[in-house]
Amino acid sequence: MEQILDVSGLEPPGPLEQSLSAVENLGPGDHLRILHRREPFPLYGILAARGFAHRTLPGSQTAFEILVWRVGDAAAERAVGQDVER
């Protein structure tokens, strides 16, 4: 299931803190869509170190949409792949 987190109106470090908190609550098959006005480069290394994968796309509502899921979660990865194809 997709969870959506809009951090586009927050000032640093709010987006980073909220994003990291939200990904820790992902269950099996879940992925997080982060709506952000900037590309969150510092987030990517932290996600990788914590066992998460991500894909960054141009956003439809904000400048960037970052899809995040747990590495090895095949159901979430399939859902992200289908989402990207739309």
PDB file of N, CA and C in Angstrom:
ATOM      1  N   MET A   1       0.837  -1.167   0.000  1.00  0.00           N
ATOM      2  CA  MET A   1       0.000   0.000   0.000  1.00  0.00           C
ATOM      3  C   MET A   1       0.894   1.246   0.000  1.00  0.00           C
ATOM      4  N   GLU A   2       0.450   2.238  -0.726  1.00  0.00           N
ATOM      5  CA  GLU A   2       1.209   3.486  -0.784  1.00  0.00           C
ATOM      6  C   GLU A   2       0.820   4.404   0.367  1.00  0.00           C
ATOM      7  N   GLN A   3       1.821   4.969   1.003  1.00  0.00           N
ATOM      8  CA  GLN A   3       1.627   6.015   2.001  1.00  0.00           C
ATOM      9  C   GLN A   3       2.208   7.293   1.406  1.00  0.00           C
ATOM     10  N   ILE A   4       1.553   8.407   1.649  1.00  0.00           N
ATOM     11  CA  ILE A   4       1.991   9.684   1.082  1.00  0.00           C
ATOM     12  C   ILE A   4       2.384  10.631   2.211  1.00  0.00           C
ATOM     13  N   LEU A   5       3.533  11.274   2.040  1.00  0.00           N
ATOM     14  CA  LEU A   5       4.032  12.257   3.002  1.00  0.00           C
ATOM     15  C   LEU A   5       4.392  13.523   2.233  1.00  0.00           C
ATOM     16  N   ASP A   6       3.684  14.609   2.509  1.00  0.00           N
ATOM     17  CA  ASP A   6       3.961  15.892   1.857  1.00  0.00           C
ATOM     18  C   ASP A   6       4.807  16.750   2.796  1.00  0.00           C
ATOM     19  N   VAL A   7       6.068  16.912   2.442  1.00  0.00           N
ATOM     20  CA  VAL A   7       6.982  17.739   3.243  1.00  0.00           C
ATOM     21  C   VAL A   7       7.338  19.031   2.507  1.00  0.00           C
ATOM     22  N   SER A   8       6.612  19.323   1.449  1.00  0.00           N
ATOM     23  CA  SER A   8       6.969  20.447   0.580  1.00  0.00           C
ATOM     24  C   SER A   8       6.876  21.803   1.266  1.00  0.00           C
ATOM     25  N   GLY A   9       6.102  21.916   2.322  1.00  0.00           N
ATOM     26  CA  GLY A   9       5.966  23.196   3.000  1.00  0.00           C
ATOM     27  C   GLY A   9       6.844  23.349   4.228  1.00  0.00           C
ATOM     28  N   LEU A  10       7.663  22.344   4.504  1.00  0.00           N
ATOM     29  CA  LEU A  10       8.488  22.366   5.712  1.00  0.00           C
ATOM     30  C   LEU A  10       9.880  22.922   5.446  1.00  0.00           C
ATOM     31  N   GLU A  11      10.436  23.548   6.463  1.00  0.00           N
ATOM     32  CA  GLU A  11      11.818  24.026   6.410  1.00  0.00           C
ATOM     33  C   GLU A  11      12.730  22.952   6.999  1.00  0.00           C
ATOM     34  N   PRO A  12      13.996  22.903   6.550  1.00  0.00           N
ATOM     35  CA  PRO A  12      14.943  21.926   7.101  1.00  0.00           C
ATOM     36  C   PRO A  12      15.102  22.133   8.612  1.00  0.00           C
ATOM     37  N   PRO A  13      15.278  21.076   9.336  1.00  0.00           N
ATOM     38  CA  PRO A  13      15.434  19.674   8.945  1.00  0.00           C
ATOM     39  C   PRO A  13      14.125  18.893   8.948  1.00  0.00           C
ATOM     40  N   GLY A  14      12.989  19.594   8.957  1.00  0.00           N
ATOM     41  CA  GLY A  14      11.683  18.937   9.018  1.00  0.00           C
ATOM     42  C   GLY A  14      11.462  17.846   7.987  1.00  0.00           C
ATOM     43  N   PRO A  15      11.731  18.108   6.699  1.00  0.00           N
ATOM     44  CA  PRO A  15      11.506  17.064   5.701  1.00  0.00           C
ATOM     45  C   PRO A  15      12.327  15.795   5.958  1.00  0.00           C
ATOM     46  N   LEU A  16      13.586  15.964   6.324  1.00  0.00           N
ATOM     47  CA  LEU A  16      14.446  14.811   6.593  1.00  0.00           C
ATOM     48  C   LEU A  16      13.927  14.029   7.796  1.00  0.00           C
ATOM     49  N   GLU A  17      13.627  14.723   8.871  1.00  0.00           N
ATOM     50  CA  GLU A  17      13.160  14.058  10.091  1.00  0.00           C
ATOM     51  C   GLU A  17      11.846  13.324   9.865  1.00  0.00           C
ATOM     52  N   GLN A  18      10.899  13.978   9.209  1.00  0.00           N
ATOM     53  CA  GLN A  18       9.602  13.336   8.981  1.00  0.00           C
ATOM     54  C   GLN A  18       9.718  12.163   8.018  1.00  0.00           C
ATOM     55  N   SER A  19      10.562  12.298   7.004  1.00  0.00           N
ATOM     56  CA  SER A  19      10.753  11.206   6.040  1.00  0.00           C
ATOM     57  C   SER A  19      11.346   9.982   6.718  1.00  0.00           C
ATOM     58  N   LEU A  20      12.366  10.185   7.543  1.00  0.00           N
ATOM     59  CA  LEU A  20      13.004   9.057   8.228  1.00  0.00           C
ATOM     60  C   LEU A  20      12.053   8.393   9.213  1.00  0.00           C
ATOM     61  N   SER A  21      11.245   9.165   9.873  1.00  0.00           N
ATOM     62  CA  SER A  21      10.254   8.609  10.793  1.00  0.00           C
ATOM     63  C   SER A  21       9.217   7.788  10.028  1.00  0.00           C
ATOM     64  N   ALA A  22       8.749   8.311   8.907  1.00  0.00           N
ATOM     65  CA  ALA A  22       7.706   7.632   8.131  1.00  0.00           C
ATOM     66  C   ALA A  22       8.189   6.313   7.535  1.00  0.00           C
ATOM     67  N   VAL A  23       9.418   6.254   7.046  1.00  0.00           N
ATOM     68  CA  VAL A  23       9.881   5.007   6.420  1.00  0.00           C
ATOM     69  C   VAL A  23      10.014   3.891   7.444  1.00  0.00           C
ATOM     70  N   GLU A  24      10.294   4.230   8.682  1.00  0.00           N
ATOM     71  CA  GLU A  24      10.425   3.200   9.718  1.00  0.00           C
ATOM     72  C   GLU A  24       9.093   2.516  10.003  1.00  0.00           C
ATOM     73  N   ASN A  25       7.991   3.146   9.626  1.00  0.00           N
ATOM     74  CA  ASN A  25       6.665   2.580   9.858  1.00  0.00           C
ATOM     75  C   ASN A  25       6.131   1.792   8.671  1.00  0.00           C
ATOM     76  N   LEU A  26       6.923   1.629   7.614  1.00  0.00           N
ATOM     77  CA  LEU A  26       6.463   0.875   6.452  1.00  0.00           C
ATOM     78  C   LEU A  26       6.363  -0.607   6.791  1.00  0.00           C
ATOM     79  N   GLY A  27       5.226  -1.195   6.446  1.00  0.00           N
ATOM     80  CA  GLY A  27       5.043  -2.627   6.634  1.00  0.00           C
ATOM     81  C   GLY A  27       5.389  -3.371   5.359  1.00  0.00           C
ATOM     82  N   PRO A  28       5.319  -4.694   5.385  1.00  0.00           N
ATOM     83  CA  PRO A  28       5.587  -5.488   4.185  1.00  0.00           C
ATOM     84  C   PRO A  28       4.650  -5.079   3.038  1.00  0.00           C
ATOM     85  N   GLY A  29       5.221  -4.869   1.873  1.00  0.00           N
ATOM     86  CA  GLY A  29       4.448  -4.486   0.697  1.00  0.00           C
ATOM     87  C   GLY A  29       4.159  -3.001   0.588  1.00  0.00           C
ATOM     88  N   ASP A  30       4.510  -2.232   1.617  1.00  0.00           N
ATOM     89  CA  ASP A  30       4.242  -0.790   1.620  1.00  0.00           C
ATOM     90  C   ASP A  30       5.391  -0.011   0.992  1.00  0.00           C
ATOM     91  N   HIS A  31       5.049   1.132   0.426  1.00  0.00           N
ATOM     92  CA  HIS A  31       6.069   2.087   0.007  1.00  0.00           C
ATOM     93  C   HIS A  31       5.591   3.492   0.348  1.00  0.00           C
ATOM     94  N   LEU A  32       6.525   4.401   0.440  1.00  0.00           N
ATOM     95  CA  LEU A  32       6.244   5.782   0.807  1.00  0.00           C
ATOM     96  C   LEU A  32       6.503   6.679  -0.392  1.00  0.00           C
ATOM     97  N   ARG A  33       5.567   7.573  -0.651  1.00  0.00           N
ATOM     98  CA  ARG A  33       5.743   8.616  -1.674  1.00  0.00           C
ATOM     99  C   ARG A  33       5.929   9.937  -0.931  1.00  0.00           C
ATOM    100  N   ILE A  34       7.126  10.491  -1.048  1.00  0.00           N
ATOM    101  CA  ILE A  34       7.437  11.760  -0.394  1.00  0.00           C
ATOM    102  C   ILE A  34       7.295  12.874  -1.427  1.00  0.00           C
ATOM    103  N   LEU A  35       6.465  13.852  -1.124  1.00  0.00           N
ATOM    104  CA  LEU A  35       6.285  15.017  -1.991  1.00  0.00           C
ATOM    105  C   LEU A  35       7.187  16.121  -1.451  1.00  0.00           C
ATOM    106  N   HIS A  36       8.101  16.585  -2.292  1.00  0.00           N
ATOM    107  CA  HIS A  36       9.146  17.506  -1.808  1.00  0.00           C
ATOM    108  C   HIS A  36       9.392  18.595  -2.843  1.00  0.00           C
ATOM    109  N   ARG A  37       9.699  19.787  -2.373  1.00  0.00           N
ATOM    110  CA  ARG A  37       9.978  20.892  -3.306  1.00  0.00           C
ATOM    111  C   ARG A  37      11.431  20.904  -3.765  1.00  0.00           C
ATOM    112  N   ARG A  38      12.303  20.137  -3.076  1.00  0.00           N
ATOM    113  CA  ARG A  38      13.728  20.056  -3.429  1.00  0.00           C
ATOM    114  C   ARG A  38      14.126  18.590  -3.491  1.00  0.00           C
ATOM    115  N   GLU A  39      15.199  18.318  -4.207  1.00  0.00           N
ATOM    116  CA  GLU A  39      15.701  16.943  -4.199  1.00  0.00           C
ATOM    117  C   GLU A  39      16.509  16.738  -2.915  1.00  0.00           C
ATOM    118  N   PRO A  40      16.118  15.775  -2.086  1.00  0.00           N
ATOM    119  CA  PRO A  40      16.723  15.616  -0.754  1.00  0.00           C
ATOM    120  C   PRO A  40      17.979  14.743  -0.764  1.00  0.00           C
ATOM    121  N   PHE A  41      19.047  15.250  -1.337  1.00  0.00           N
ATOM    122  CA  PHE A  41      20.282  14.463  -1.454  1.00  0.00           C
ATOM    123  C   PHE A  41      20.761  13.857  -0.131  1.00  0.00           C
ATOM    124  N   PRO A  42      20.721  14.574   1.009  1.00  0.00           N
ATOM    125  CA  PRO A  42      21.191  13.957   2.259  1.00  0.00           C
ATOM    126  C   PRO A  42      20.374  12.725   2.667  1.00  0.00           C
ATOM    127  N   LEU A  43      19.121  12.687   2.266  1.00  0.00           N
ATOM    128  CA  LEU A  43      18.250  11.567   2.628  1.00  0.00           C
ATOM    129  C   LEU A  43      18.700  10.255   2.000  1.00  0.00           C
ATOM    130  N   TYR A  44      19.221  10.305   0.785  1.00  0.00           N
ATOM    131  CA  TYR A  44      19.503   9.079   0.035  1.00  0.00           C
ATOM    132  C   TYR A  44      20.515   8.165   0.729  1.00  0.00           C
ATOM    133  N   GLY A  45      21.599   8.715   1.217  1.00  0.00           N
ATOM    134  CA  GLY A  45      22.607   7.900   1.895  1.00  0.00           C
ATOM    135  C   GLY A  45      22.090   7.299   3.192  1.00  0.00           C
ATOM    136  N   ILE A  46      21.284   8.069   3.906  1.00  0.00           N
ATOM    137  CA  ILE A  46      20.714   7.568   5.162  1.00  0.00           C
ATOM    138  C   ILE A  46      19.753   6.423   4.874  1.00  0.00           C
ATOM    139  N   LEU A  47      18.937   6.574   3.843  1.00  0.00           N
ATOM    140  CA  LEU A  47      18.015   5.496   3.475  1.00  0.00           C
ATOM    141  C   LEU A  47      18.775   4.219   3.147  1.00  0.00           C
ATOM    142  N   ALA A  48      19.807   4.331   2.337  1.00  0.00           N
ATOM    143  CA  ALA A  48      20.591   3.153   1.947  1.00  0.00           C
ATOM    144  C   ALA A  48      21.209   2.482   3.171  1.00  0.00           C
ATOM    145  N   ALA A  49      21.736   3.274   4.082  1.00  0.00           N
ATOM    146  CA  ALA A  49      22.360   2.718   5.291  1.00  0.00           C
ATOM    147  C   ALA A  49      21.350   2.007   6.180  1.00  0.00           C
ATOM    148  N   ARG A  50      20.089   2.395   6.079  1.00  0.00           N
ATOM    149  CA  ARG A  50      19.036   1.791   6.912  1.00  0.00           C
ATOM    150  C   ARG A  50      18.275   0.682   6.186  1.00  0.00           C
ATOM    151  N   GLY A  51      18.719   0.350   4.974  1.00  0.00           N
ATOM    152  CA  GLY A  51      18.099  -0.770   4.265  1.00  0.00           C
ATOM    153  C   GLY A  51      16.905  -0.422   3.400  1.00  0.00           C
ATOM    154  N   PHE A  52      16.875   0.805   2.904  1.00  0.00           N
ATOM    155  CA  PHE A  52      15.783   1.229   2.035  1.00  0.00           C
ATOM    156  C   PHE A  52      16.308   1.566   0.642  1.00  0.00           C
ATOM    157  N   ALA A  53      15.464   1.335  -0.344  1.00  0.00           N
ATOM    158  CA  ALA A  53      15.748   1.729  -1.723  1.00  0.00           C
ATOM    159  C   ALA A  53      14.857   2.931  -2.047  1.00  0.00           C
ATOM    160  N   HIS A  54      15.239   3.678  -3.076  1.00  0.00           N
ATOM    161  CA  HIS A  54      14.416   4.823  -3.460  1.00  0.00           C
ATOM    162  C   HIS A  54      14.488   5.041  -4.967  1.00  0.00           C
ATOM    163  N   ARG A  55      13.517   5.761  -5.446  1.00  0.00           N
ATOM    164  CA  ARG A  55      13.502   6.220  -6.835  1.00  0.00           C
ATOM    165  C   ARG A  55      12.937   7.635  -6.812  1.00  0.00           C
ATOM    166  N   THR A  56      13.622   8.553  -7.467  1.00  0.00           N
ATOM    167  CA  THR A  56      13.201   9.952  -7.500  1.00  0.00           C
ATOM    168  C   THR A  56      12.644  10.275  -8.880  1.00  0.00           C
ATOM    169  N   LEU A  57      11.469  10.899  -8.879  1.00  0.00           N
ATOM    170  CA  LEU A  57      10.770  11.232 -10.117  1.00  0.00           C
ATOM    171  C   LEU A  57      10.381  12.705 -10.120  1.00  0.00           C
ATOM    172  N   PRO A  58      10.179  13.278 -11.318  1.00  0.00           N
ATOM    173  CA  PRO A  58       9.584  14.614 -11.360  1.00  0.00           C
ATOM    174  C   PRO A  58       8.174  14.509 -10.780  1.00  0.00           C
ATOM    175  N   GLY A  59       7.805  15.464  -9.967  1.00  0.00           N
ATOM    176  CA  GLY A  59       6.502  15.396  -9.321  1.00  0.00           C
ATOM    177  C   GLY A  59       5.390  15.983 -10.155  1.00  0.00           C
ATOM    178  N   SER A  60       4.167  15.563  -9.844  1.00  0.00           N
ATOM    179  CA  SER A  60       3.000  16.144 -10.493  1.00  0.00           C
ATOM    180  C   SER A  60       2.410  17.258  -9.625  1.00  0.00           C
ATOM    181  N   GLN A  61       2.583  17.136  -8.300  1.00  0.00           N
ATOM    182  CA  GLN A  61       2.067  18.144  -7.370  1.00  0.00           C
ATOM    183  C   GLN A  61       3.183  19.016  -6.796  1.00  0.00           C
ATOM    184  N   THR A  62       4.386  18.464  -6.743  1.00  0.00           N
ATOM    185  CA  THR A  62       5.560  19.167  -6.219  1.00  0.00           C
ATOM    186  C   THR A  62       6.712  18.924  -7.192  1.00  0.00           C
ATOM    187  N   ALA A  63       7.826  19.569  -6.961  1.00  0.00           N
ATOM    188  CA  ALA A  63       8.959  19.421  -7.884  1.00  0.00           C
ATOM    189  C   ALA A  63       9.478  17.985  -7.945  1.00  0.00           C
ATOM    190  N   PHE A  64       9.478  17.288  -6.797  1.00  0.00           N
ATOM    191  CA  PHE A  64      10.019  15.929  -6.740  1.00  0.00           C
ATOM    192  C   PHE A  64       9.080  15.010  -5.982  1.00  0.00           C
ATOM    193  N   GLU A  65       9.046  13.759  -6.426  1.00  0.00           N
ATOM    194  CA  GLU A  65       8.377  12.691  -5.696  1.00  0.00           C
ATOM    195  C   GLU A  65       9.415  11.598  -5.496  1.00  0.00           C
ATOM    196  N   ILE A  66       9.609  11.213  -4.253  1.00  0.00           N
ATOM    197  CA  ILE A  66      10.601  10.193  -3.925  1.00  0.00           C
ATOM    198  C   ILE A  66       9.847   8.975  -3.421  1.00  0.00           C
ATOM    199  N   LEU A  67      10.010   7.860  -4.110  1.00  0.00           N
ATOM    200  CA  LEU A  67       9.381   6.607  -3.714  1.00  0.00           C
ATOM    201  C   LEU A  67      10.394   5.811  -2.911  1.00  0.00           C
ATOM    202  N   VAL A  68       9.987   5.322  -1.745  1.00  0.00           N
ATOM    203  CA  VAL A  68      10.895   4.627  -0.835  1.00  0.00           C
ATOM    204  C   VAL A  68      10.264   3.310  -0.406  1.00  0.00           C
ATOM    205  N   TRP A  69      11.064   2.240  -0.387  1.00  0.00           N
ATOM    206  CA  TRP A  69      10.608   0.933   0.066  1.00  0.00           C
ATOM    207  C   TRP A  69      11.784   0.191   0.679  1.00  0.00           C
ATOM    208  N   ARG A  70      11.468  -0.862   1.420  1.00  0.00           N
ATOM    209  CA  ARG A  70      12.525  -1.668   2.042  1.00  0.00           C
ATOM    210  C   ARG A  70      13.211  -2.531   0.986  1.00  0.00           C
ATOM    211  N   VAL A  71      14.528  -2.570   1.019  1.00  0.00           N
ATOM    212  CA  VAL A  71      15.292  -3.438   0.120  1.00  0.00           C
ATOM    213  C   VAL A  71      14.845  -4.875   0.364  1.00  0.00           C
ATOM    214  N   GLY A  72      14.599  -5.605  -0.715  1.00  0.00           N
ATOM    215  CA  GLY A  72      14.191  -6.998  -0.609  1.00  0.00           C
ATOM    216  C   GLY A  72      12.695  -7.207  -0.500  1.00  0.00           C
ATOM    217  N   ASP A  73      11.911  -6.144  -0.446  1.00  0.00           N
ATOM    218  CA  ASP A  73      10.455  -6.258  -0.385  1.00  0.00           C
ATOM    219  C   ASP A  73       9.926  -6.283  -1.817  1.00  0.00           C
ATOM    220  N   ALA A  74       9.759  -7.492  -2.341  1.00  0.00           N
ATOM    221  CA  ALA A  74       9.386  -7.663  -3.747  1.00  0.00           C
ATOM    222  C   ALA A  74       8.021  -7.056  -4.051  1.00  0.00           C
ATOM    223  N   ALA A  75       7.064  -7.183  -3.140  1.00  0.00           N
ATOM    224  CA  ALA A  75       5.725  -6.637  -3.377  1.00  0.00           C
ATOM    225  C   ALA A  75       5.769  -5.115  -3.477  1.00  0.00           C
ATOM    226  N   ALA A  76       6.512  -4.481  -2.595  1.00  0.00           N
ATOM    227  CA  ALA A  76       6.632  -3.018  -2.642  1.00  0.00           C
ATOM    228  C   ALA A  76       7.355  -2.577  -3.907  1.00  0.00           C
ATOM    229  N   GLU A  77       8.388  -3.319  -4.284  1.00  0.00           N
ATOM    230  CA  GLU A  77       9.139  -2.965  -5.491  1.00  0.00           C
ATOM    231  C   GLU A  77       8.260  -3.092  -6.737  1.00  0.00           C
ATOM    232  N   ARG A  78       7.412  -4.118  -6.784  1.00  0.00           N
ATOM    233  CA  ARG A  78       6.474  -4.266  -7.912  1.00  0.00           C
ATOM    234  C   ARG A  78       5.502  -3.092  -7.947  1.00  0.00           C
ATOM    235  N   ALA A  79       4.976  -2.723  -6.777  1.00  0.00           N
ATOM    236  CA  ALA A  79       4.029  -1.606  -6.706  1.00  0.00           C
ATOM    237  C   ALA A  79       4.680  -0.310  -7.175  1.00  0.00           C
ATOM    238  N   VAL A  80       5.917  -0.086  -6.775  1.00  0.00           N
ATOM    239  CA  VAL A  80       6.648   1.105  -7.210  1.00  0.00           C
ATOM    240  C   VAL A  80       6.839   1.065  -8.721  1.00  0.00           C
ATOM    241  N   GLY A  81       7.203  -0.081  -9.260  1.00  0.00           N
ATOM    242  CA  GLY A  81       7.395  -0.222 -10.701  1.00  0.00           C
ATOM    243  C   GLY A  81       6.133   0.074 -11.480  1.00  0.00           C
ATOM    244  N   GLN A  82       4.997  -0.405 -10.986  1.00  0.00           N
ATOM    245  CA  GLN A  82       3.717  -0.134 -11.645  1.00  0.00           C
ATOM    246  C   GLN A  82       3.372   1.340 -11.540  1.00  0.00           C
ATOM    247  N   ASP A  83       3.680   1.930 -10.401  1.00  0.00           N
ATOM    248  CA  ASP A  83       3.415   3.343 -10.169  1.00  0.00           C
ATOM    249  C   ASP A  83       4.217   4.215 -11.131  1.00  0.00           C
ATOM    250  N   VAL A  84       5.462   3.858 -11.359  1.00  0.00           N
ATOM    251  CA  VAL A  84       6.355   4.633 -12.223  1.00  0.00           C
ATOM    252  C   VAL A  84       5.895   4.566 -13.674  1.00  0.00           C
ATOM    253  N   GLU A  85       5.320   3.442 -14.074  1.00  0.00           N
ATOM    254  CA  GLU A  85       4.888   3.264 -15.464  1.00  0.00           C
ATOM    255  C   GLU A  85       3.674   4.102 -15.818  1.00  0.00           C
ATOM    256  N   ARG A  86       2.938   4.581 -14.836  1.00  0.00           N
ATOM    257  CA  ARG A  86       1.706   5.348 -15.106  1.00  0.00           C
ATOM    258  C   ARG A  86       1.995   6.699 -15.681  1.00  0.00           C
TER     259      ARG A  86
END
